[in-house]
Amino acid sequence: MTIVNVSPKGQLVIPSHLRRKYGIKAPGRAFITEKEGQIVIVPAPTDPVAESRGMLKAKQSLTKMHAAYKQDERKLEETHERRLP
């Protein structure tokens, strides 16, 4: 455990070995939150768009999902047309 000083402005310095370990670069940004009575600091991504890639990844490709949807839709239309007088 490392002890750090807090300045009168509320600033603190994250030790270099922890900055290197967690990829916190200066100047940079980090998220800070409270969890279960502790303060948690998490490095903010440098490029949020690039970092979020794959976050909503589907189990199969969207092309296959769309083709299956269209096939189901055609079946429903055919069923509906058969019921019309």
C-alpha atoms as a PDB file:
ATOM      1  CA  MET A   1       0.000   0.000   0.000  1.00  0.00           C
ATOM      2  CA  THR A   2       1.309   3.418  -0.955  1.00  0.00           C
ATOM      3  CA  ILE A   3       0.571   6.626   0.939  1.00  0.00           C
ATOM      4  CA  VAL A   4       0.060   9.806  -1.089  1.00  0.00           C
ATOM      5  CA  ASN A   5      -0.323  13.404  -0.012  1.00  0.00           C
ATOM      6  CA  VAL A   6      -3.468  15.388  -0.747  1.00  0.00           C
ATOM      7  CA  SER A   7      -2.898  19.050  -1.607  1.00  0.00           C
ATOM      8  CA  PRO A   8      -5.017  21.896  -0.157  1.00  0.00           C
ATOM      9  CA  LYS A   9      -6.878  21.881  -3.507  1.00  0.00           C
ATOM     10  CA  GLY A  10      -7.754  18.179  -3.083  1.00  0.00           C
ATOM     11  CA  GLN A  11      -5.215  17.014  -5.639  1.00  0.00           C
ATOM     12  CA  LEU A  12      -3.151  13.870  -5.259  1.00  0.00           C
ATOM     13  CA  VAL A  13      -0.391  12.259  -7.277  1.00  0.00           C
ATOM     14  CA  ILE A  14      -0.820   8.683  -8.420  1.00  0.00           C
ATOM     15  CA  PRO A  15       2.537   6.933  -7.981  1.00  0.00           C
ATOM     16  CA  SER A  16       4.434   6.252 -11.225  1.00  0.00           C
ATOM     17  CA  HIS A  17       4.468   2.470 -10.814  1.00  0.00           C
ATOM     18  CA  LEU A  18       0.658   2.456 -10.621  1.00  0.00           C
ATOM     19  CA  ARG A  19       0.314   4.860 -13.566  1.00  0.00           C
ATOM     20  CA  ARG A  20       2.497   2.557 -15.685  1.00  0.00           C
ATOM     21  CA  LYS A  21       0.694  -0.587 -14.520  1.00  0.00           C
ATOM     22  CA  TYR A  22      -2.772   0.779 -15.355  1.00  0.00           C
ATOM     23  CA  GLY A  23      -1.830   2.838 -18.415  1.00  0.00           C
ATOM     24  CA  ILE A  24      -2.644   6.245 -16.965  1.00  0.00           C
ATOM     25  CA  LYS A  25      -0.816   8.840 -19.036  1.00  0.00           C
ATOM     26  CA  ALA A  26      -0.154  12.466 -18.124  1.00  0.00           C
ATOM     27  CA  PRO A  27      -1.814  14.642 -19.085  1.00  0.00           C
ATOM     28  CA  GLY A  28      -4.814  12.372 -19.059  1.00  0.00           C
ATOM     29  CA  ARG A  29      -8.160  11.658 -17.502  1.00  0.00           C
ATOM     30  CA  ALA A  30      -9.548   9.093 -15.097  1.00  0.00           C
ATOM     31  CA  PHE A  31     -12.929   8.199 -13.677  1.00  0.00           C
ATOM     32  CA  ILE A  32     -13.307   8.405  -9.927  1.00  0.00           C
ATOM     33  CA  THR A  33     -16.164   6.820  -8.020  1.00  0.00           C
ATOM     34  CA  GLU A  34     -17.091   5.420  -4.654  1.00  0.00           C
ATOM     35  CA  LYS A  35     -17.732   1.712  -4.243  1.00  0.00           C
ATOM     36  CA  GLU A  36     -18.436  -0.079  -0.993  1.00  0.00           C
ATOM     37  CA  GLY A  37     -16.941   2.741   1.075  1.00  0.00           C
ATOM     38  CA  GLN A  38     -13.773   3.032  -1.013  1.00  0.00           C
ATOM     39  CA  ILE A  39     -12.618   5.516  -3.629  1.00  0.00           C
ATOM     40  CA  VAL A  40     -11.960   3.829  -6.971  1.00  0.00           C
ATOM     41  CA  ILE A  41      -9.915   5.417  -9.785  1.00  0.00           C
ATOM     42  CA  VAL A  42     -10.250   3.942 -13.276  1.00  0.00           C
ATOM     43  CA  PRO A  43      -8.295   5.176 -16.321  1.00  0.00           C
ATOM     44  CA  ALA A  44     -10.548   6.891 -18.884  1.00  0.00           C
ATOM     45  CA  PRO A  45     -10.089   5.680 -22.452  1.00  0.00           C
ATOM     46  CA  THR A  46      -8.112   8.037 -24.663  1.00  0.00           C
ATOM     47  CA  ASP A  47     -10.463   7.363 -27.599  1.00  0.00           C
ATOM     48  CA  PRO A  48     -13.896   6.371 -26.264  1.00  0.00           C
ATOM     49  CA  VAL A  49     -15.130   5.337 -29.713  1.00  0.00           C
ATOM     50  CA  ALA A  50     -12.227   2.967 -30.312  1.00  0.00           C
ATOM     51  CA  GLU A  51     -12.407   1.610 -26.772  1.00  0.00           C
ATOM     52  CA  SER A  52     -16.116   0.809 -27.088  1.00  0.00           C
ATOM     53  CA  ARG A  53     -15.704  -1.335 -30.215  1.00  0.00           C
ATOM     54  CA  GLY A  54     -17.116  -4.805 -29.709  1.00  0.00           C
ATOM     55  CA  MET A  55     -19.104  -3.777 -26.644  1.00  0.00           C
ATOM     56  CA  LEU A  56     -22.412  -4.598 -28.348  1.00  0.00           C
ATOM     57  CA  LYS A  57     -21.140  -7.512 -30.356  1.00  0.00           C
ATOM     58  CA  ALA A  58     -23.914  -9.806 -31.563  1.00  0.00           C
ATOM     59  CA  LYS A  59     -23.724 -13.613 -31.521  1.00  0.00           C
ATOM     60  CA  GLN A  60     -24.010 -13.678 -35.317  1.00  0.00           C
ATOM     61  CA  SER A  61     -23.452 -11.165 -38.096  1.00  0.00           C
ATOM     62  CA  LEU A  62     -26.084  -8.513 -38.716  1.00  0.00           C
ATOM     63  CA  THR A  63     -26.328  -9.667 -42.341  1.00  0.00           C
ATOM     64  CA  LYS A  64     -27.406 -13.147 -41.232  1.00  0.00           C
ATOM     65  CA  MET A  65     -29.786 -11.722 -38.635  1.00  0.00           C
ATOM     66  CA  HIS A  66     -31.360  -9.456 -41.249  1.00  0.00           C
ATOM     67  CA  ALA A  67     -31.724 -12.321 -43.762  1.00  0.00           C
ATOM     68  CA  ALA A  68     -33.466 -14.476 -41.144  1.00  0.00           C
ATOM     69  CA  TYR A  69     -35.762 -11.582 -40.244  1.00  0.00           C
ATOM     70  CA  LYS A  70     -36.705 -11.034 -43.899  1.00  0.00           C
ATOM     71  CA  GLN A  71     -37.377 -14.758 -44.356  1.00  0.00           C
ATOM     72  CA  ASP A  72     -39.693 -14.776 -41.323  1.00  0.00           C
ATOM     73  CA  GLU A  73     -41.408 -11.674 -42.642  1.00  0.00           C
ATOM     74  CA  ARG A  74     -42.007 -13.329 -46.061  1.00  0.00           C
ATOM     75  CA  LYS A  75     -43.536 -16.394 -44.360  1.00  0.00           C
ATOM     76  CA  LEU A  76     -45.899 -14.182 -42.372  1.00  0.00           C
ATOM     77  CA  GLU A  77     -46.937 -12.319 -45.519  1.00  0.00           C
ATOM     78  CA  GLU A  78     -47.591 -15.591 -47.369  1.00  0.00           C
ATOM     79  CA  THR A  79     -49.693 -16.891 -44.469  1.00  0.00           C
ATOM     80  CA  HIS A  80     -51.653 -13.641 -44.387  1.00  0.00           C
ATOM     81  CA  GLU A  81     -52.232 -13.693 -48.180  1.00  0.00           C
ATOM     82  CA  ARG A  82     -53.594 -17.270 -48.012  1.00  0.00           C
ATOM     83  CA  ARG A  83     -56.186 -16.156 -45.464  1.00  0.00           C
ATOM     84  CA  LEU A  84     -57.476 -13.314 -47.642  1.00  0.00           C
ATOM     85  CA  PRO A  85     -60.649 -13.997 -49.674  1.00  0.00           C
END
